[in-house]
Amino acid sequence: MKQNLIYLLIVIFCSCSENNIRYPLNKGKKTFLSNSATRNKILLAREELMIRKSADKDSLFTFYNSEKGFLYAYVKKISENQPLPQKGTKLRFTYKIEDLNKKILYTKNDLGIVDYVVDKDNILPALREGVRLMRPKEIVVFLFPSYLCYGYQGDGNKVGISQPLRYTIERL
């Protein structure tokens, strides 16, 4: 029994060795992420410039900056007495989608009437952020960067890859 215990202790002490540090096999991941971040910053700056140029060309409206990184202008503004929608508010709206050159991609008839419960239903971030700024019966033009719309993949149909869009939303 003592002999087995001594062998066991010898095996345990011999098997103990210094831990070797294991380095990641994919050393390029850090540069990939850095390059991706740089590429996204360039893309965002390009889109912001396109949106600003589109707003400047549209002399009919005065565009305002939003906190979320898009521009908006009122086609039809209602008095400030009406409340803005809060979480859980049920609302209806129609909208159309255009590119920044005002070429219609989807009409109101294509998209239909949307029933939406604020912060409860799942819709595009562009629509979610846009309707939060609208009072009943208002019509607003929004210039959205691609990350709030269909992103880097587009919609696979009429909306291109990383395409900023112009939405005209009418809250019913």
C-alpha atoms as a PDB file:
ATOM      1  CA  MET A   1       0.000   0.000   0.000  1.00  0.00           C
ATOM      2  CA  LYS A   2       2.848   2.386   0.915  1.00  0.00           C
ATOM      3  CA  GLN A   3       4.616   1.482  -2.266  1.00  0.00           C
ATOM      4  CA  ASN A   4       1.514   2.330  -4.355  1.00  0.00           C
ATOM      5  CA  LEU A   5       1.169   5.636  -2.547  1.00  0.00           C
ATOM      6  CA  ILE A   6       4.820   6.496  -3.238  1.00  0.00           C
ATOM      7  CA  TYR A   7       4.390   5.670  -6.947  1.00  0.00           C
ATOM      8  CA  LEU A   8       1.267   7.786  -7.065  1.00  0.00           C
ATOM      9  CA  LEU A   9       3.053  10.755  -5.475  1.00  0.00           C
ATOM     10  CA  ILE A  10       5.980  10.400  -7.894  1.00  0.00           C
ATOM     11  CA  VAL A  11       3.606  10.349 -10.862  1.00  0.00           C
ATOM     12  CA  ILE A  12       1.769  13.410  -9.583  1.00  0.00           C
ATOM     13  CA  PHE A  13       4.979  15.394  -9.034  1.00  0.00           C
ATOM     14  CA  CYS A  14       6.416  14.364 -12.373  1.00  0.00           C
ATOM     15  CA  SER A  15       3.277  15.255 -14.257  1.00  0.00           C
ATOM     16  CA  CYS A  16       3.278  18.768 -12.840  1.00  0.00           C
ATOM     17  CA  SER A  17       5.045  21.066 -15.240  1.00  0.00           C
ATOM     18  CA  GLU A  18       4.956  24.687 -16.213  1.00  0.00           C
ATOM     19  CA  ASN A  19       1.831  25.819 -18.009  1.00  0.00           C
ATOM     20  CA  ASN A  20       2.574  26.830 -21.555  1.00  0.00           C
ATOM     21  CA  ILE A  21       0.773  29.886 -22.836  1.00  0.00           C
ATOM     22  CA  ARG A  22      -1.496  29.092 -25.745  1.00  0.00           C
ATOM     23  CA  TYR A  23      -1.576  31.802 -28.369  1.00  0.00           C
ATOM     24  CA  PRO A  24      -4.503  32.168 -30.776  1.00  0.00           C
ATOM     25  CA  LEU A  25      -4.085  30.536 -34.148  1.00  0.00           C
ATOM     26  CA  ASN A  26      -5.904  33.342 -35.951  1.00  0.00           C
ATOM     27  CA  LYS A  27      -3.603  36.305 -35.424  1.00  0.00           C
ATOM     28  CA  GLY A  28      -5.263  38.265 -38.248  1.00  0.00           C
ATOM     29  CA  LYS A  29      -8.606  38.654 -36.458  1.00  0.00           C
ATOM     30  CA  LYS A  30      -7.531  41.858 -34.751  1.00  0.00           C
ATOM     31  CA  THR A  31      -6.505  43.455 -38.044  1.00  0.00           C
ATOM     32  CA  PHE A  32      -9.724  42.233 -39.653  1.00  0.00           C
ATOM     33  CA  LEU A  33     -11.829  43.934 -36.972  1.00  0.00           C
ATOM     34  CA  SER A  34      -9.774  47.107 -37.222  1.00  0.00           C
ATOM     35  CA  ASN A  35     -10.115  47.159 -41.019  1.00  0.00           C
ATOM     36  CA  SER A  36     -13.845  46.469 -40.735  1.00  0.00           C
ATOM     37  CA  ALA A  37     -14.330  49.364 -38.305  1.00  0.00           C
ATOM     38  CA  THR A  38     -12.385  51.701 -40.597  1.00  0.00           C
ATOM     39  CA  ARG A  39     -14.419  50.566 -43.601  1.00  0.00           C
ATOM     40  CA  ASN A  40     -17.694  51.159 -41.710  1.00  0.00           C
ATOM     41  CA  LYS A  41     -16.603  54.662 -40.650  1.00  0.00           C
ATOM     42  CA  ILE A  42     -15.828  55.528 -44.281  1.00  0.00           C
ATOM     43  CA  LEU A  43     -19.184  54.103 -45.399  1.00  0.00           C
ATOM     44  CA  LEU A  44     -21.058  56.091 -42.738  1.00  0.00           C
ATOM     45  CA  ALA A  45     -19.252  59.324 -43.654  1.00  0.00           C
ATOM     46  CA  ARG A  46     -20.096  58.751 -47.335  1.00  0.00           C
ATOM     47  CA  GLU A  47     -23.763  58.134 -46.521  1.00  0.00           C
ATOM     48  CA  GLU A  48     -23.955  61.231 -44.292  1.00  0.00           C
ATOM     49  CA  LEU A  49     -22.531  63.310 -47.135  1.00  0.00           C
ATOM     50  CA  MET A  50     -25.072  61.859 -49.589  1.00  0.00           C
ATOM     51  CA  ILE A  51     -27.925  62.560 -47.163  1.00  0.00           C
ATOM     52  CA  ARG A  52     -26.743  66.129 -46.540  1.00  0.00           C
ATOM     53  CA  LYS A  53     -26.471  66.795 -50.316  1.00  0.00           C
ATOM     54  CA  SER A  54     -29.965  65.397 -50.847  1.00  0.00           C
ATOM     55  CA  ALA A  55     -31.347  67.649 -48.108  1.00  0.00           C
ATOM     56  CA  ASP A  56     -29.569  70.685 -49.554  1.00  0.00           C
ATOM     57  CA  LYS A  57     -31.006  69.988 -53.038  1.00  0.00           C
ATOM     58  CA  ASP A  58     -34.537  69.796 -51.627  1.00  0.00           C
ATOM     59  CA  SER A  59     -35.291  73.487 -51.174  1.00  0.00           C
ATOM     60  CA  LEU A  60     -38.985  72.907 -50.358  1.00  0.00           C
ATOM     61  CA  PHE A  61     -38.251  71.681 -46.840  1.00  0.00           C
ATOM     62  CA  THR A  62     -36.202  72.636 -43.820  1.00  0.00           C
ATOM     63  CA  PHE A  63     -34.478  69.512 -42.549  1.00  0.00           C
ATOM     64  CA  TYR A  64     -33.681  68.919 -38.890  1.00  0.00           C
ATOM     65  CA  ASN A  65     -31.039  66.633 -37.399  1.00  0.00           C
ATOM     66  CA  SER A  66     -32.230  63.839 -35.151  1.00  0.00           C
ATOM     67  CA  GLU A  67     -30.345  62.308 -32.248  1.00  0.00           C
ATOM     68  CA  LYS A  68     -30.308  58.955 -34.076  1.00  0.00           C
ATOM     69  CA  GLY A  69     -28.339  60.202 -37.095  1.00  0.00           C
ATOM     70  CA  PHE A  70     -31.004  60.943 -39.698  1.00  0.00           C
ATOM     71  CA  LEU A  71     -32.630  64.077 -41.083  1.00  0.00           C
ATOM     72  CA  TYR A  72     -36.334  64.890 -41.189  1.00  0.00           C
ATOM     73  CA  ALA A  73     -38.609  67.640 -42.520  1.00  0.00           C
ATOM     74  CA  TYR A  74     -42.309  68.300 -42.050  1.00  0.00           C
ATOM     75  CA  VAL A  75     -44.562  68.234 -45.100  1.00  0.00           C
ATOM     76  CA  LYS A  76     -47.592  68.735 -42.883  1.00  0.00           C
ATOM     77  CA  LYS A  77     -47.064  69.779 -39.268  1.00  0.00           C
ATOM     78  CA  ILE A  78     -49.734  69.617 -36.567  1.00  0.00           C
ATOM     79  CA  SER A  79     -49.831  71.850 -33.481  1.00  0.00           C
ATOM     80  CA  GLU A  80     -47.540  71.029 -30.607  1.00  0.00           C
ATOM     81  CA  ASN A  81     -50.559  70.314 -28.354  1.00  0.00           C
ATOM     82  CA  GLN A  82     -50.892  66.777 -29.718  1.00  0.00           C
ATOM     83  CA  PRO A  83     -48.817  64.250 -27.778  1.00  0.00           C
ATOM     84  CA  LEU A  84     -45.969  62.260 -29.291  1.00  0.00           C
ATOM     85  CA  PRO A  85     -46.467  58.487 -29.156  1.00  0.00           C
ATOM     86  CA  GLN A  86     -45.340  56.715 -25.990  1.00  0.00           C
ATOM     87  CA  LYS A  87     -44.466  53.083 -25.385  1.00  0.00           C
ATOM     88  CA  GLY A  88     -47.561  50.952 -25.987  1.00  0.00           C
ATOM     89  CA  THR A  89     -49.356  53.571 -28.138  1.00  0.00           C
ATOM     90  CA  LYS A  90     -51.257  51.993 -31.022  1.00  0.00           C
ATOM     91  CA  LEU A  91     -50.929  53.899 -34.261  1.00  0.00           C
ATOM     92  CA  ARG A  92     -51.466  53.555 -38.001  1.00  0.00           C
ATOM     93  CA  PHE A  93     -49.387  54.973 -40.780  1.00  0.00           C
ATOM     94  CA  THR A  94     -48.615  54.696 -44.465  1.00  0.00           C
ATOM     95  CA  TYR A  95     -45.288  55.327 -46.098  1.00  0.00           C
ATOM     96  CA  LYS A  96     -43.400  55.239 -49.341  1.00  0.00           C
ATOM     97  CA  ILE A  97     -39.731  54.559 -49.943  1.00  0.00           C
ATOM     98  CA  GLU A  98     -37.561  56.453 -52.418  1.00  0.00           C
ATOM     99  CA  ASP A  99     -33.868  56.649 -53.097  1.00  0.00           C
ATOM    100  CA  LEU A 100     -32.134  59.957 -52.333  1.00  0.00           C
ATOM    101  CA  ASN A 101     -32.810  61.144 -55.904  1.00  0.00           C
ATOM    102  CA  LYS A 102     -36.576  60.766 -55.294  1.00  0.00           C
ATOM    103  CA  LYS A 103     -36.920  57.705 -57.516  1.00  0.00           C
ATOM    104  CA  ILE A 104     -39.815  55.707 -56.043  1.00  0.00           C
ATOM    105  CA  LEU A 105     -38.843  52.207 -54.935  1.00  0.00           C
ATOM    106  CA  TYR A 106     -42.034  51.269 -53.076  1.00  0.00           C
ATOM    107  CA  THR A 107     -45.322  53.200 -53.175  1.00  0.00           C
ATOM    108  CA  LYS A 108     -47.862  53.514 -50.364  1.00  0.00           C
ATOM    109  CA  ASN A 109     -50.018  50.983 -52.200  1.00  0.00           C
ATOM    110  CA  ASP A 110     -47.120  48.502 -52.371  1.00  0.00           C
ATOM    111  CA  LEU A 111     -46.536  48.763 -48.622  1.00  0.00           C
ATOM    112  CA  GLY A 112     -50.121  49.207 -47.401  1.00  0.00           C
ATOM    113  CA  ILE A 113     -51.337  50.542 -44.062  1.00  0.00           C
ATOM    114  CA  VAL A 114     -49.189  49.615 -41.079  1.00  0.00           C
ATOM    115  CA  ASP A 115     -50.674  49.050 -37.618  1.00  0.00           C
ATOM    116  CA  TYR A 116     -47.942  49.399 -35.022  1.00  0.00           C
ATOM    117  CA  VAL A 117     -47.703  49.335 -31.229  1.00  0.00           C
ATOM    118  CA  VAL A 118     -44.791  51.566 -30.191  1.00  0.00           C
ATOM    119  CA  ASP A 119     -41.841  49.577 -28.794  1.00  0.00           C
ATOM    120  CA  LYS A 120     -43.864  46.342 -28.828  1.00  0.00           C
ATOM    121  CA  ASP A 121     -43.990  45.294 -32.499  1.00  0.00           C
ATOM    122  CA  ASN A 122     -40.977  44.491 -34.629  1.00  0.00           C
ATOM    123  CA  ILE A 123     -40.485  46.869 -37.582  1.00  0.00           C
ATOM    124  CA  LEU A 124     -37.521  48.450 -39.336  1.00  0.00           C
ATOM    125  CA  PRO A 125     -35.496  50.750 -37.063  1.00  0.00           C
ATOM    126  CA  ALA A 126     -36.075  53.593 -39.547  1.00  0.00           C
ATOM    127  CA  LEU A 127     -39.842  53.337 -39.148  1.00  0.00           C
ATOM    128  CA  ARG A 128     -39.632  52.809 -35.394  1.00  0.00           C
ATOM    129  CA  GLU A 129     -37.520  55.952 -34.911  1.00  0.00           C
ATOM    130  CA  GLY A 130     -39.478  58.004 -37.437  1.00  0.00           C
ATOM    131  CA  VAL A 131     -42.978  57.497 -36.051  1.00  0.00           C
ATOM    132  CA  ARG A 132     -41.777  58.417 -32.559  1.00  0.00           C
ATOM    133  CA  LEU A 133     -41.324  61.984 -33.824  1.00  0.00           C
ATOM    134  CA  MET A 134     -44.774  62.236 -35.380  1.00  0.00           C
ATOM    135  CA  ARG A 135     -48.091  63.479 -34.098  1.00  0.00           C
ATOM    136  CA  PRO A 136     -51.423  62.265 -35.544  1.00  0.00           C
ATOM    137  CA  LYS A 137     -52.149  63.473 -39.097  1.00  0.00           C
ATOM    138  CA  GLU A 138     -48.575  64.651 -39.715  1.00  0.00           C
ATOM    139  CA  ILE A 139     -46.622  63.908 -42.874  1.00  0.00           C
ATOM    140  CA  VAL A 140     -42.855  63.854 -42.529  1.00  0.00           C
ATOM    141  CA  VAL A 141     -39.982  63.197 -44.959  1.00  0.00           C
ATOM    142  CA  PHE A 142     -37.066  61.279 -43.473  1.00  0.00           C
ATOM    143  CA  LEU A 143     -33.581  60.786 -44.896  1.00  0.00           C
ATOM    144  CA  PHE A 144     -32.230  57.618 -43.288  1.00  0.00           C
ATOM    145  CA  PRO A 145     -28.742  56.088 -43.450  1.00  0.00           C
ATOM    146  CA  SER A 146     -28.631  52.458 -44.546  1.00  0.00           C
ATOM    147  CA  TYR A 147     -27.971  51.087 -41.058  1.00  0.00           C
ATOM    148  CA  LEU A 148     -31.495  52.144 -40.007  1.00  0.00           C
ATOM    149  CA  CYS A 149     -33.092  50.702 -43.151  1.00  0.00           C
ATOM    150  CA  TYR A 150     -31.981  47.520 -44.895  1.00  0.00           C
ATOM    151  CA  GLY A 151     -28.287  47.683 -44.015  1.00  0.00           C
ATOM    152  CA  TYR A 152     -25.425  46.173 -45.929  1.00  0.00           C
ATOM    153  CA  GLN A 153     -27.528  43.467 -47.598  1.00  0.00           C
ATOM    154  CA  GLY A 154     -30.358  45.586 -49.067  1.00  0.00           C
ATOM    155  CA  ASP A 155     -33.781  44.006 -49.395  1.00  0.00           C
ATOM    156  CA  GLY A 156     -32.812  41.646 -52.196  1.00  0.00           C
ATOM    157  CA  ASN A 157     -35.204  43.412 -54.568  1.00  0.00           C
ATOM    158  CA  LYS A 158     -35.307  47.182 -55.115  1.00  0.00           C
ATOM    159  CA  VAL A 159     -33.150  48.480 -52.263  1.00  0.00           C
ATOM    160  CA  GLY A 160     -29.440  48.207 -52.943  1.00  0.00           C
ATOM    161  CA  ILE A 161     -26.541  47.313 -50.703  1.00  0.00           C
ATOM    162  CA  SER A 162     -25.824  49.981 -48.051  1.00  0.00           C
ATOM    163  CA  GLN A 163     -28.316  52.360 -49.652  1.00  0.00           C
ATOM    164  CA  PRO A 164     -29.538  55.403 -47.691  1.00  0.00           C
ATOM    165  CA  LEU A 165     -33.240  55.991 -48.277  1.00  0.00           C
ATOM    166  CA  ARG A 166     -35.896  58.679 -48.273  1.00  0.00           C
ATOM    167  CA  TYR A 167     -39.126  57.743 -46.474  1.00  0.00           C
ATOM    168  CA  THR A 168     -42.306  59.797 -46.566  1.00  0.00           C
ATOM    169  CA  ILE A 169     -44.489  58.732 -43.641  1.00  0.00           C
ATOM    170  CA  GLU A 170     -48.068  59.816 -43.031  1.00  0.00           C
ATOM    171  CA  ARG A 171     -49.418  59.077 -39.585  1.00  0.00           C
ATOM    172  CA  LEU A 172     -53.145  58.333 -39.792  1.00  0.00           C
END
